[in-house]
Amino acid sequence: MTLNMAAFYYDYRNQQFINVDPTTAAQTLLNIPKSRIYGAEAELTVRPTDTFTFHGGMGVLSTKIIRGDVSGTDVSGRRLSNAPSLTFNAGVDFTVFKNDAVTLSIHPDLSYQSSQFFEVINVPRLRQSSYALVGGHVDLETADGRYSLSVWAKNLGNKFYFTSRVDLLAGFGFDYNHIGNPRTFGVTLGAKF
């Protein structure tokens, strides 16, 4: 078993970020005079047998703007952007079958993140709520490692989520959004020479 842990605290002065003006879409570099971040991370790997491995990770994060103004709005007390308070991931590597010719293994995985804002004003309609993604792959590999076949899938639940959102409502009548990948799957063939 391997366990890695870390704790951290950052006291920022003049933290820089890109601000997008909702009326013109102009991007400017702004400073937040004072902000702070603290949190902790842990990674765990457990190998009870040669054929089974569990690995997981968790992060907790607290962010706060102590002093700042963005486009005439006092953002003191608000959360920093792209900072979910909880993230979690877990996966398993399990060898189902192994002989002198091939190895068959499965690798399911799960990731979770709590809600977050994509900008420091913390506009409620631009908040991404918490979500979890499930995926994995099944691998078949020759004993010498030369050839492999992998059948994989991501976002099996076809969860709809955003990876970024920009407020353009005042000037353009809509919000600009980046949408996360839907359910995807495929097959990968590999050969080593």
N, C-alpha and C. Protein backbone atom coordinates (compact mmCIF):
# COMPACT_ATOMS: atom_id res chain seq x y z
N MET A 1 0.85 -1.18 0.00
CA MET A 1 0.00 0.00 0.00
C MET A 1 0.89 1.24 0.00
N THR A 2 0.50 2.22 -0.79
CA THR A 2 1.22 3.49 -0.84
C THR A 2 0.23 4.62 -0.60
N LEU A 3 0.56 5.51 0.32
CA LEU A 3 -0.28 6.67 0.61
C LEU A 3 0.57 7.92 0.56
N ASN A 4 0.16 8.86 -0.28
CA ASN A 4 0.83 10.17 -0.37
C ASN A 4 -0.18 11.23 0.02
N MET A 5 0.25 12.16 0.89
CA MET A 5 -0.65 13.22 1.32
C MET A 5 0.10 14.56 1.32
N ALA A 6 -0.64 15.61 1.09
CA ALA A 6 -0.06 16.95 1.12
C ALA A 6 -1.12 17.94 1.59
N ALA A 7 -0.69 18.95 2.28
CA ALA A 7 -1.55 20.06 2.67
C ALA A 7 -0.87 21.34 2.24
N PHE A 8 -1.65 22.36 1.92
CA PHE A 8 -1.05 23.59 1.40
C PHE A 8 -1.88 24.81 1.79
N TYR A 9 -1.21 25.94 1.79
CA TYR A 9 -1.86 27.22 2.04
C TYR A 9 -1.16 28.26 1.17
N TYR A 10 -1.94 29.02 0.42
CA TYR A 10 -1.40 30.09 -0.42
C TYR A 10 -2.06 31.40 -0.04
N ASP A 11 -1.23 32.41 0.19
CA ASP A 11 -1.70 33.76 0.49
C ASP A 11 -1.27 34.63 -0.68
N TYR A 12 -2.22 34.94 -1.57
CA TYR A 12 -1.89 35.65 -2.81
C TYR A 12 -2.02 37.16 -2.66
N ARG A 13 -1.10 37.85 -3.32
CA ARG A 13 -1.19 39.29 -3.51
C ARG A 13 -1.16 39.53 -5.02
N ASN A 14 -2.11 40.31 -5.51
CA ASN A 14 -2.18 40.65 -6.94
C ASN A 14 -2.23 39.40 -7.83
N GLN A 15 -3.10 38.47 -7.47
CA GLN A 15 -3.30 37.28 -8.30
C GLN A 15 -3.93 37.70 -9.62
N GLN A 16 -3.35 37.24 -10.72
CA GLN A 16 -3.82 37.66 -12.04
C GLN A 16 -4.78 36.64 -12.63
N PHE A 17 -5.75 37.16 -13.39
CA PHE A 17 -6.66 36.31 -14.14
C PHE A 17 -7.20 37.11 -15.32
N ILE A 18 -7.78 36.40 -16.27
CA ILE A 18 -8.38 37.02 -17.45
C ILE A 18 -9.84 37.32 -17.15
N ASN A 19 -10.25 38.56 -17.36
CA ASN A 19 -11.64 38.95 -17.20
C ASN A 19 -12.23 39.23 -18.57
N VAL A 20 -13.44 38.71 -18.81
CA VAL A 20 -14.13 38.95 -20.08
C VAL A 20 -15.28 39.91 -19.82
N ASP A 21 -15.27 41.05 -20.51
CA ASP A 21 -16.33 42.05 -20.37
C ASP A 21 -17.61 41.49 -21.02
N PRO A 22 -18.72 41.35 -20.27
CA PRO A 22 -19.93 40.75 -20.83
C PRO A 22 -20.61 41.58 -21.91
N THR A 23 -20.27 42.86 -22.02
CA THR A 23 -20.91 43.70 -23.04
C THR A 23 -20.14 43.74 -24.35
N THR A 24 -18.81 43.54 -24.29
CA THR A 24 -18.00 43.65 -25.51
C THR A 24 -17.21 42.37 -25.83
N ALA A 25 -17.12 41.46 -24.89
CA ALA A 25 -16.31 40.23 -25.00
C ALA A 25 -14.81 40.52 -25.00
N ALA A 26 -14.45 41.76 -24.66
CA ALA A 26 -13.02 42.10 -24.58
C ALA A 26 -12.40 41.39 -23.37
N GLN A 27 -11.20 40.85 -23.58
CA GLN A 27 -10.50 40.16 -22.51
C GLN A 27 -9.39 41.05 -21.97
N THR A 28 -9.39 41.23 -20.66
CA THR A 28 -8.36 42.05 -20.03
C THR A 28 -7.73 41.28 -18.88
N LEU A 29 -6.49 41.59 -18.61
CA LEU A 29 -5.76 40.98 -17.51
C LEU A 29 -6.00 41.84 -16.27
N LEU A 30 -6.55 41.22 -15.22
CA LEU A 30 -6.86 41.94 -13.99
C LEU A 30 -6.11 41.31 -12.82
N ASN A 31 -5.94 42.10 -11.77
CA ASN A 31 -5.34 41.61 -10.54
C ASN A 31 -6.39 41.62 -9.43
N ILE A 32 -6.41 40.56 -8.65
CA ILE A 32 -7.19 40.54 -7.41
C ILE A 32 -6.18 40.90 -6.32
N PRO A 33 -6.38 42.02 -5.61
CA PRO A 33 -5.38 42.46 -4.64
C PRO A 33 -5.02 41.43 -3.58
N LYS A 34 -6.02 40.68 -3.06
CA LYS A 34 -5.71 39.70 -2.01
C LYS A 34 -6.70 38.55 -2.08
N SER A 35 -6.14 37.34 -2.07
CA SER A 35 -6.96 36.12 -2.03
C SER A 35 -6.17 35.03 -1.31
N ARG A 36 -6.88 33.95 -0.95
CA ARG A 36 -6.19 32.86 -0.28
C ARG A 36 -6.79 31.52 -0.70
N ILE A 37 -5.94 30.52 -0.64
CA ILE A 37 -6.33 29.14 -0.97
C ILE A 37 -5.72 28.22 0.08
N TYR A 38 -6.49 27.30 0.58
CA TYR A 38 -5.90 26.23 1.38
C TYR A 38 -6.62 24.92 1.07
N GLY A 39 -5.92 23.82 1.30
CA GLY A 39 -6.52 22.54 1.01
C GLY A 39 -5.57 21.40 1.30
N ALA A 40 -6.00 20.21 0.87
CA ALA A 40 -5.21 19.01 1.07
C ALA A 40 -5.50 18.02 -0.05
N GLU A 41 -4.53 17.15 -0.31
CA GLU A 41 -4.66 16.11 -1.32
C GLU A 41 -4.14 14.80 -0.76
N ALA A 42 -4.74 13.71 -1.22
CA ALA A 42 -4.28 12.37 -0.81
C ALA A 42 -4.40 11.44 -2.00
N GLU A 43 -3.41 10.58 -2.16
CA GLU A 43 -3.43 9.54 -3.19
C GLU A 43 -3.14 8.20 -2.52
N LEU A 44 -3.94 7.21 -2.85
CA LEU A 44 -3.80 5.90 -2.24
C LEU A 44 -3.73 4.83 -3.33
N THR A 45 -2.77 3.94 -3.21
CA THR A 45 -2.66 2.77 -4.08
C THR A 45 -2.56 1.53 -3.20
N VAL A 46 -3.43 0.57 -3.48
CA VAL A 46 -3.44 -0.68 -2.71
C VAL A 46 -3.29 -1.83 -3.70
N ARG A 47 -2.29 -2.70 -3.45
CA ARG A 47 -2.02 -3.85 -4.30
C ARG A 47 -2.08 -5.13 -3.44
N PRO A 48 -3.28 -5.63 -3.15
CA PRO A 48 -3.36 -6.81 -2.28
C PRO A 48 -2.85 -8.09 -2.95
N THR A 49 -2.91 -8.15 -4.29
CA THR A 49 -2.41 -9.32 -5.01
C THR A 49 -1.70 -8.84 -6.28
N ASP A 50 -1.08 -9.78 -6.98
CA ASP A 50 -0.43 -9.44 -8.26
C ASP A 50 -1.44 -9.12 -9.35
N THR A 51 -2.70 -9.49 -9.15
CA THR A 51 -3.70 -9.32 -10.20
C THR A 51 -4.71 -8.20 -9.91
N PHE A 52 -4.60 -7.54 -8.75
CA PHE A 52 -5.58 -6.52 -8.40
C PHE A 52 -4.89 -5.31 -7.79
N THR A 53 -5.21 -4.13 -8.33
CA THR A 53 -4.70 -2.87 -7.78
C THR A 53 -5.85 -1.86 -7.72
N PHE A 54 -5.98 -1.22 -6.57
CA PHE A 54 -6.92 -0.11 -6.42
C PHE A 54 -6.12 1.17 -6.30
N HIS A 55 -6.56 2.21 -7.01
CA HIS A 55 -5.91 3.51 -6.86
C HIS A 55 -6.99 4.58 -6.78
N GLY A 56 -6.77 5.52 -5.90
CA GLY A 56 -7.74 6.59 -5.72
C GLY A 56 -7.07 7.86 -5.24
N GLY A 57 -7.78 8.94 -5.41
CA GLY A 57 -7.26 10.24 -4.98
C GLY A 57 -8.40 11.15 -4.55
N MET A 58 -8.09 12.05 -3.65
CA MET A 58 -9.09 13.00 -3.19
C MET A 58 -8.41 14.34 -2.93
N GLY A 59 -9.10 15.41 -3.26
CA GLY A 59 -8.60 16.74 -2.97
C GLY A 59 -9.71 17.59 -2.35
N VAL A 60 -9.38 18.35 -1.33
CA VAL A 60 -10.31 19.31 -0.74
C VAL A 60 -9.67 20.69 -0.87
N LEU A 61 -10.51 21.67 -1.17
CA LEU A 61 -9.99 22.99 -1.49
C LEU A 61 -10.94 24.07 -0.98
N SER A 62 -10.37 25.10 -0.40
CA SER A 62 -11.15 26.25 0.02
C SER A 62 -10.49 27.50 -0.55
N THR A 63 -11.26 28.28 -1.29
CA THR A 63 -10.72 29.50 -1.89
C THR A 63 -11.59 30.69 -1.47
N LYS A 64 -10.96 31.83 -1.36
CA LYS A 64 -11.71 33.03 -0.99
C LYS A 64 -10.97 34.26 -1.47
N ILE A 65 -11.72 35.17 -2.05
CA ILE A 65 -11.16 36.48 -2.41
C ILE A 65 -11.31 37.36 -1.17
N ILE A 66 -10.20 37.85 -0.66
CA ILE A 66 -10.22 38.69 0.53
C ILE A 66 -10.56 40.13 0.16
N ARG A 67 -9.98 40.59 -0.94
CA ARG A 67 -10.22 41.97 -1.38
C ARG A 67 -10.11 42.02 -2.89
N GLY A 68 -11.12 42.62 -3.56
CA GLY A 68 -11.05 42.72 -5.00
C GLY A 68 -12.29 43.36 -5.59
N ASP A 69 -12.12 43.90 -6.80
CA ASP A 69 -13.19 44.56 -7.54
C ASP A 69 -13.06 44.18 -9.00
N VAL A 70 -14.16 43.74 -9.60
CA VAL A 70 -14.17 43.36 -11.02
C VAL A 70 -15.33 44.07 -11.70
N SER A 71 -15.01 44.90 -12.66
CA SER A 71 -16.02 45.62 -13.44
C SER A 71 -17.03 46.34 -12.54
N GLY A 72 -16.53 46.95 -11.47
CA GLY A 72 -17.38 47.69 -10.56
C GLY A 72 -18.10 46.84 -9.52
N THR A 73 -17.85 45.55 -9.50
CA THR A 73 -18.48 44.66 -8.52
C THR A 73 -17.46 44.25 -7.48
N ASP A 74 -17.82 44.45 -6.21
CA ASP A 74 -16.95 44.02 -5.11
C ASP A 74 -17.04 42.50 -5.02
N VAL A 75 -15.92 41.81 -5.21
CA VAL A 75 -15.92 40.35 -5.19
C VAL A 75 -15.33 39.79 -3.90
N SER A 76 -15.15 40.62 -2.91
CA SER A 76 -14.64 40.17 -1.61
C SER A 76 -15.56 39.09 -1.04
N GLY A 77 -14.97 38.01 -0.55
CA GLY A 77 -15.73 36.92 0.03
C GLY A 77 -16.18 35.87 -0.97
N ARG A 78 -15.96 36.08 -2.25
CA ARG A 78 -16.39 35.12 -3.26
C ARG A 78 -15.31 34.08 -3.54
N ARG A 79 -15.70 33.01 -4.20
CA ARG A 79 -14.77 31.92 -4.51
C ARG A 79 -13.97 32.25 -5.76
N LEU A 80 -12.77 31.72 -5.82
CA LEU A 80 -11.95 31.84 -7.03
C LEU A 80 -12.52 30.92 -8.11
N SER A 81 -12.19 31.21 -9.34
CA SER A 81 -12.71 30.44 -10.46
C SER A 81 -12.01 29.09 -10.60
N ASN A 82 -12.72 28.15 -11.22
CA ASN A 82 -12.19 26.82 -11.52
C ASN A 82 -11.62 26.13 -10.28
N ALA A 83 -12.36 26.21 -9.17
CA ALA A 83 -11.86 25.68 -7.90
C ALA A 83 -12.95 24.89 -7.18
N PRO A 84 -13.24 23.66 -7.62
CA PRO A 84 -14.22 22.85 -6.89
C PRO A 84 -13.69 22.52 -5.49
N SER A 85 -14.57 22.49 -4.51
CA SER A 85 -14.12 22.25 -3.13
C SER A 85 -13.79 20.79 -2.86
N LEU A 86 -14.27 19.88 -3.70
CA LEU A 86 -13.97 18.46 -3.53
C LEU A 86 -13.79 17.80 -4.89
N THR A 87 -12.71 17.05 -5.03
CA THR A 87 -12.50 16.22 -6.21
C THR A 87 -12.13 14.82 -5.72
N PHE A 88 -12.54 13.83 -6.51
CA PHE A 88 -12.29 12.45 -6.13
C PHE A 88 -12.14 11.61 -7.39
N ASN A 89 -11.23 10.66 -7.36
CA ASN A 89 -11.11 9.71 -8.47
C ASN A 89 -10.72 8.35 -7.91
N ALA A 90 -11.18 7.31 -8.59
CA ALA A 90 -10.86 5.95 -8.17
C ALA A 90 -10.86 5.05 -9.38
N GLY A 91 -10.04 4.04 -9.31
CA GLY A 91 -9.98 3.08 -10.39
C GLY A 91 -9.42 1.75 -9.91
N VAL A 92 -9.65 0.74 -10.71
CA VAL A 92 -9.20 -0.61 -10.40
C VAL A 92 -8.50 -1.18 -11.62
N ASP A 93 -7.41 -1.88 -11.40
CA ASP A 93 -6.73 -2.66 -12.43
C ASP A 93 -6.84 -4.12 -12.00
N PHE A 94 -7.56 -4.91 -12.78
CA PHE A 94 -7.80 -6.30 -12.40
C PHE A 94 -7.49 -7.23 -13.56
N THR A 95 -6.56 -8.13 -13.35
CA THR A 95 -6.23 -9.15 -14.35
C THR A 95 -7.20 -10.30 -14.21
N VAL A 96 -8.05 -10.47 -15.21
CA VAL A 96 -9.08 -11.49 -15.19
C VAL A 96 -8.52 -12.85 -15.58
N PHE A 97 -7.63 -12.84 -16.58
CA PHE A 97 -7.11 -14.09 -17.12
C PHE A 97 -5.69 -13.86 -17.61
N LYS A 98 -4.83 -14.84 -17.34
CA LYS A 98 -3.45 -14.74 -17.81
C LYS A 98 -2.92 -16.15 -18.05
N ASN A 99 -2.32 -16.35 -19.24
CA ASN A 99 -1.63 -17.61 -19.51
C ASN A 99 -0.35 -17.32 -20.28
N ASP A 100 0.25 -18.30 -20.89
CA ASP A 100 1.52 -18.10 -21.60
C ASP A 100 1.36 -17.30 -22.90
N ALA A 101 0.12 -17.10 -23.35
CA ALA A 101 -0.10 -16.41 -24.63
C ALA A 101 -0.63 -14.98 -24.45
N VAL A 102 -1.64 -14.81 -23.59
CA VAL A 102 -2.31 -13.50 -23.47
C VAL A 102 -2.66 -13.16 -22.03
N THR A 103 -2.92 -11.88 -21.82
CA THR A 103 -3.43 -11.38 -20.55
C THR A 103 -4.67 -10.55 -20.83
N LEU A 104 -5.74 -10.82 -20.09
CA LEU A 104 -6.98 -10.06 -20.20
C LEU A 104 -7.18 -9.31 -18.89
N SER A 105 -7.37 -7.99 -18.98
CA SER A 105 -7.54 -7.18 -17.77
C SER A 105 -8.64 -6.14 -17.96
N ILE A 106 -9.26 -5.75 -16.84
CA ILE A 106 -10.29 -4.71 -16.87
C ILE A 106 -9.84 -3.55 -15.98
N HIS A 107 -10.30 -2.34 -16.35
CA HIS A 107 -9.85 -1.12 -15.67
C HIS A 107 -11.00 -0.11 -15.57
N PRO A 108 -11.98 -0.33 -14.70
CA PRO A 108 -13.04 0.68 -14.52
C PRO A 108 -12.50 1.89 -13.75
N ASP A 109 -13.09 3.07 -14.01
CA ASP A 109 -12.68 4.26 -13.26
C ASP A 109 -13.86 5.20 -13.05
N LEU A 110 -13.72 6.04 -12.03
CA LEU A 110 -14.75 6.99 -11.64
C LEU A 110 -14.06 8.29 -11.25
N SER A 111 -14.63 9.42 -11.67
CA SER A 111 -14.13 10.72 -11.21
C SER A 111 -15.32 11.59 -10.80
N TYR A 112 -15.10 12.41 -9.80
CA TYR A 112 -16.16 13.28 -9.27
C TYR A 112 -15.57 14.65 -8.97
N GLN A 113 -16.37 15.68 -9.21
CA GLN A 113 -15.97 17.00 -8.73
C GLN A 113 -17.21 17.77 -8.30
N SER A 114 -17.04 18.51 -7.22
CA SER A 114 -18.14 19.30 -6.69
C SER A 114 -18.34 20.56 -7.54
N SER A 115 -19.32 21.35 -7.18
CA SER A 115 -19.66 22.52 -7.97
C SER A 115 -18.51 23.53 -8.02
N GLN A 116 -18.53 24.34 -9.07
CA GLN A 116 -17.51 25.38 -9.23
C GLN A 116 -18.05 26.52 -10.08
N PHE A 117 -17.41 27.67 -9.94
CA PHE A 117 -17.67 28.82 -10.80
C PHE A 117 -16.53 28.93 -11.80
N PHE A 118 -16.82 29.50 -12.96
CA PHE A 118 -15.80 29.68 -13.99
C PHE A 118 -15.30 31.12 -14.05
N GLU A 119 -15.81 31.97 -13.15
CA GLU A 119 -15.39 33.37 -13.08
C GLU A 119 -15.51 33.84 -11.64
N VAL A 120 -14.84 34.94 -11.29
CA VAL A 120 -14.75 35.36 -9.89
C VAL A 120 -15.94 36.19 -9.39
N ILE A 121 -16.83 36.63 -10.26
CA ILE A 121 -18.02 37.32 -9.79
C ILE A 121 -19.00 36.30 -9.21
N ASN A 122 -18.85 35.04 -9.56
CA ASN A 122 -19.70 33.94 -9.08
C ASN A 122 -21.16 34.12 -9.50
N VAL A 123 -21.35 34.35 -10.79
CA VAL A 123 -22.70 34.48 -11.35
C VAL A 123 -23.42 33.14 -11.19
N PRO A 124 -24.56 33.11 -10.47
CA PRO A 124 -25.23 31.82 -10.20
C PRO A 124 -25.57 31.01 -11.45
N ARG A 125 -26.01 31.64 -12.53
CA ARG A 125 -26.40 30.86 -13.71
C ARG A 125 -25.20 30.22 -14.43
N LEU A 126 -23.98 30.70 -14.12
CA LEU A 126 -22.78 30.14 -14.75
C LEU A 126 -22.10 29.09 -13.88
N ARG A 127 -22.71 28.74 -12.78
CA ARG A 127 -22.15 27.76 -11.86
C ARG A 127 -22.33 26.36 -12.44
N GLN A 128 -21.27 25.57 -12.40
CA GLN A 128 -21.36 24.16 -12.80
C GLN A 128 -21.64 23.34 -11.55
N SER A 129 -22.75 22.63 -11.53
CA SER A 129 -23.06 21.80 -10.37
C SER A 129 -22.14 20.57 -10.35
N SER A 130 -22.13 19.87 -9.24
CA SER A 130 -21.26 18.70 -9.09
C SER A 130 -21.67 17.61 -10.08
N TYR A 131 -20.70 16.78 -10.46
CA TYR A 131 -21.00 15.68 -11.37
C TYR A 131 -19.94 14.59 -11.24
N ALA A 132 -20.31 13.40 -11.69
CA ALA A 132 -19.40 12.26 -11.69
C ALA A 132 -19.36 11.66 -13.09
N LEU A 133 -18.20 11.16 -13.48
CA LEU A 133 -18.01 10.51 -14.77
C LEU A 133 -17.50 9.09 -14.54
N VAL A 134 -18.04 8.15 -15.27
CA VAL A 134 -17.64 6.75 -15.17
C VAL A 134 -17.11 6.30 -16.53
N GLY A 135 -16.03 5.56 -16.51
CA GLY A 135 -15.45 5.05 -17.75
C GLY A 135 -14.62 3.82 -17.47
N GLY A 136 -13.79 3.48 -18.43
CA GLY A 136 -12.90 2.35 -18.22
C GLY A 136 -12.46 1.74 -19.53
N HIS A 137 -11.67 0.68 -19.42
CA HIS A 137 -11.22 -0.04 -20.61
C HIS A 137 -10.96 -1.50 -20.27
N VAL A 138 -11.08 -2.34 -21.28
CA VAL A 138 -10.78 -3.76 -21.19
C VAL A 138 -9.63 -4.01 -22.15
N ASP A 139 -8.56 -4.63 -21.66
CA ASP A 139 -7.35 -4.81 -22.46
C ASP A 139 -7.03 -6.29 -22.66
N LEU A 140 -6.60 -6.60 -23.87
CA LEU A 140 -6.08 -7.92 -24.19
C LEU A 140 -4.68 -7.71 -24.75
N GLU A 141 -3.67 -8.35 -24.13
CA GLU A 141 -2.28 -8.12 -24.52
C GLU A 141 -1.56 -9.46 -24.62
N THR A 142 -0.70 -9.55 -25.63
CA THR A 142 0.09 -10.77 -25.77
C THR A 142 1.10 -10.85 -24.64
N ALA A 143 1.53 -12.04 -24.32
CA ALA A 143 2.44 -12.26 -23.19
C ALA A 143 3.74 -11.50 -23.33
N ASP A 144 4.23 -11.33 -24.57
CA ASP A 144 5.48 -10.60 -24.77
C ASP A 144 5.28 -9.09 -24.81
N GLY A 145 4.02 -8.63 -24.70
CA GLY A 145 3.73 -7.20 -24.69
C GLY A 145 3.80 -6.54 -26.05
N ARG A 146 3.96 -7.33 -27.10
CA ARG A 146 4.14 -6.74 -28.44
C ARG A 146 2.83 -6.26 -29.05
N TYR A 147 1.75 -6.99 -28.85
CA TYR A 147 0.47 -6.63 -29.44
C TYR A 147 -0.57 -6.42 -28.35
N SER A 148 -1.47 -5.47 -28.60
CA SER A 148 -2.52 -5.20 -27.62
C SER A 148 -3.80 -4.75 -28.31
N LEU A 149 -4.90 -5.00 -27.63
CA LEU A 149 -6.22 -4.58 -28.08
C LEU A 149 -6.92 -4.00 -26.85
N SER A 150 -7.44 -2.80 -26.98
CA SER A 150 -8.13 -2.15 -25.87
C SER A 150 -9.49 -1.64 -26.34
N VAL A 151 -10.53 -2.01 -25.61
CA VAL A 151 -11.88 -1.50 -25.85
C VAL A 151 -12.17 -0.55 -24.70
N TRP A 152 -12.46 0.72 -25.00
CA TRP A 152 -12.58 1.73 -23.95
C TRP A 152 -13.86 2.55 -24.10
N ALA A 153 -14.24 3.18 -23.00
CA ALA A 153 -15.41 4.06 -22.98
C ALA A 153 -15.18 5.16 -21.94
N LYS A 154 -15.70 6.34 -22.23
CA LYS A 154 -15.62 7.48 -21.32
C LYS A 154 -17.02 8.08 -21.15
N ASN A 155 -17.29 8.61 -19.99
CA ASN A 155 -18.58 9.23 -19.68
C ASN A 155 -19.73 8.28 -20.04
N LEU A 156 -19.67 7.08 -19.48
CA LEU A 156 -20.68 6.06 -19.80
C LEU A 156 -22.11 6.51 -19.48
N GLY A 157 -22.29 7.34 -18.47
CA GLY A 157 -23.62 7.84 -18.12
C GLY A 157 -24.09 8.97 -19.01
N ASN A 158 -23.27 9.39 -19.97
CA ASN A 158 -23.58 10.48 -20.90
C ASN A 158 -23.97 11.76 -20.14
N LYS A 159 -23.20 12.07 -19.10
CA LYS A 159 -23.46 13.24 -18.26
C LYS A 159 -23.20 14.52 -19.05
N PHE A 160 -24.15 15.45 -19.00
CA PHE A 160 -24.00 16.76 -19.64
C PHE A 160 -23.37 17.72 -18.62
N TYR A 161 -22.24 18.30 -18.97
CA TYR A 161 -21.56 19.22 -18.06
C TYR A 161 -20.75 20.23 -18.87
N PHE A 162 -20.37 21.32 -18.20
CA PHE A 162 -19.59 22.38 -18.83
C PHE A 162 -18.15 22.34 -18.34
N THR A 163 -17.21 22.68 -19.22
CA THR A 163 -15.81 22.80 -18.82
C THR A 163 -15.40 24.26 -18.69
N SER A 164 -16.20 25.18 -19.24
CA SER A 164 -16.02 26.61 -19.02
C SER A 164 -17.29 27.33 -19.47
N ARG A 165 -17.52 28.51 -18.88
CA ARG A 165 -18.69 29.33 -19.23
C ARG A 165 -18.27 30.79 -19.12
N VAL A 166 -18.70 31.60 -20.08
CA VAL A 166 -18.36 33.02 -20.10
C VAL A 166 -19.64 33.83 -20.22
N ASP A 167 -19.79 34.82 -19.36
CA ASP A 167 -20.97 35.69 -19.35
C ASP A 167 -20.88 36.69 -20.50
N LEU A 168 -21.74 36.54 -21.51
CA LEU A 168 -21.85 37.49 -22.62
C LEU A 168 -23.29 37.96 -22.79
N LEU A 169 -24.11 37.75 -21.75
CA LEU A 169 -25.53 38.02 -21.84
C LEU A 169 -25.84 39.49 -22.11
N ALA A 170 -25.15 40.41 -21.42
CA ALA A 170 -25.47 41.83 -21.55
C ALA A 170 -25.22 42.36 -22.96
N GLY A 171 -24.14 41.94 -23.59
CA GLY A 171 -23.81 42.47 -24.90
C GLY A 171 -24.28 41.65 -26.08
N PHE A 172 -24.43 40.35 -25.89
CA PHE A 172 -24.73 39.47 -27.02
C PHE A 172 -25.99 38.64 -26.84
N GLY A 173 -26.55 38.63 -25.64
CA GLY A 173 -27.80 37.91 -25.41
C GLY A 173 -27.64 36.42 -25.15
N PHE A 174 -26.42 35.96 -24.91
CA PHE A 174 -26.21 34.54 -24.61
C PHE A 174 -24.94 34.38 -23.79
N ASP A 175 -24.76 33.20 -23.23
CA ASP A 175 -23.53 32.85 -22.53
C ASP A 175 -22.73 31.94 -23.45
N TYR A 176 -21.42 32.13 -23.46
CA TYR A 176 -20.54 31.29 -24.26
C TYR A 176 -20.11 30.10 -23.40
N ASN A 177 -20.37 28.89 -23.87
CA ASN A 177 -20.13 27.69 -23.07
C ASN A 177 -19.25 26.69 -23.81
N HIS A 178 -18.39 26.02 -23.07
CA HIS A 178 -17.69 24.84 -23.57
C HIS A 178 -18.32 23.64 -22.89
N ILE A 179 -18.77 22.69 -23.67
CA ILE A 179 -19.47 21.52 -23.14
C ILE A 179 -18.49 20.36 -23.05
N GLY A 180 -18.56 19.60 -21.97
CA GLY A 180 -17.71 18.42 -21.80
C GLY A 180 -18.06 17.34 -22.82
N ASN A 181 -17.14 16.43 -23.04
CA ASN A 181 -17.35 15.36 -24.02
C ASN A 181 -18.51 14.46 -23.60
N PRO A 182 -19.37 14.08 -24.55
CA PRO A 182 -20.44 13.14 -24.25
C PRO A 182 -19.87 11.73 -24.13
N ARG A 183 -20.76 10.75 -24.04
CA ARG A 183 -20.31 9.35 -24.02
C ARG A 183 -19.48 9.08 -25.28
N THR A 184 -18.29 8.57 -25.09
CA THR A 184 -17.44 8.19 -26.21
C THR A 184 -16.90 6.79 -25.96
N PHE A 185 -16.66 6.08 -27.03
CA PHE A 185 -16.11 4.74 -26.90
C PHE A 185 -15.32 4.41 -28.15
N GLY A 186 -14.46 3.42 -28.05
CA GLY A 186 -13.64 3.06 -29.20
C GLY A 186 -12.80 1.84 -28.94
N VAL A 187 -12.02 1.52 -29.94
CA VAL A 187 -11.12 0.37 -29.90
C VAL A 187 -9.74 0.87 -30.31
N THR A 188 -8.71 0.46 -29.57
CA THR A 188 -7.35 0.84 -29.89
C THR A 188 -6.53 -0.44 -30.08
N LEU A 189 -5.86 -0.53 -31.22
CA LEU A 189 -4.95 -1.63 -31.51
C LEU A 189 -3.53 -1.13 -31.38
N GLY A 190 -2.67 -1.91 -30.78
CA GLY A 190 -1.28 -1.48 -30.60
C GLY A 190 -0.30 -2.57 -31.00
N ALA A 191 0.82 -2.11 -31.52
CA ALA A 191 1.91 -3.04 -31.88
C ALA A 191 3.22 -2.35 -31.57
N LYS A 192 4.16 -3.06 -30.96
CA LYS A 192 5.48 -2.52 -30.66
C LYS A 192 6.51 -3.23 -31.52
N PHE A 193 7.40 -2.47 -32.11
CA PHE A 193 8.42 -3.05 -32.99
C PHE A 193 9.80 -2.82 -32.42
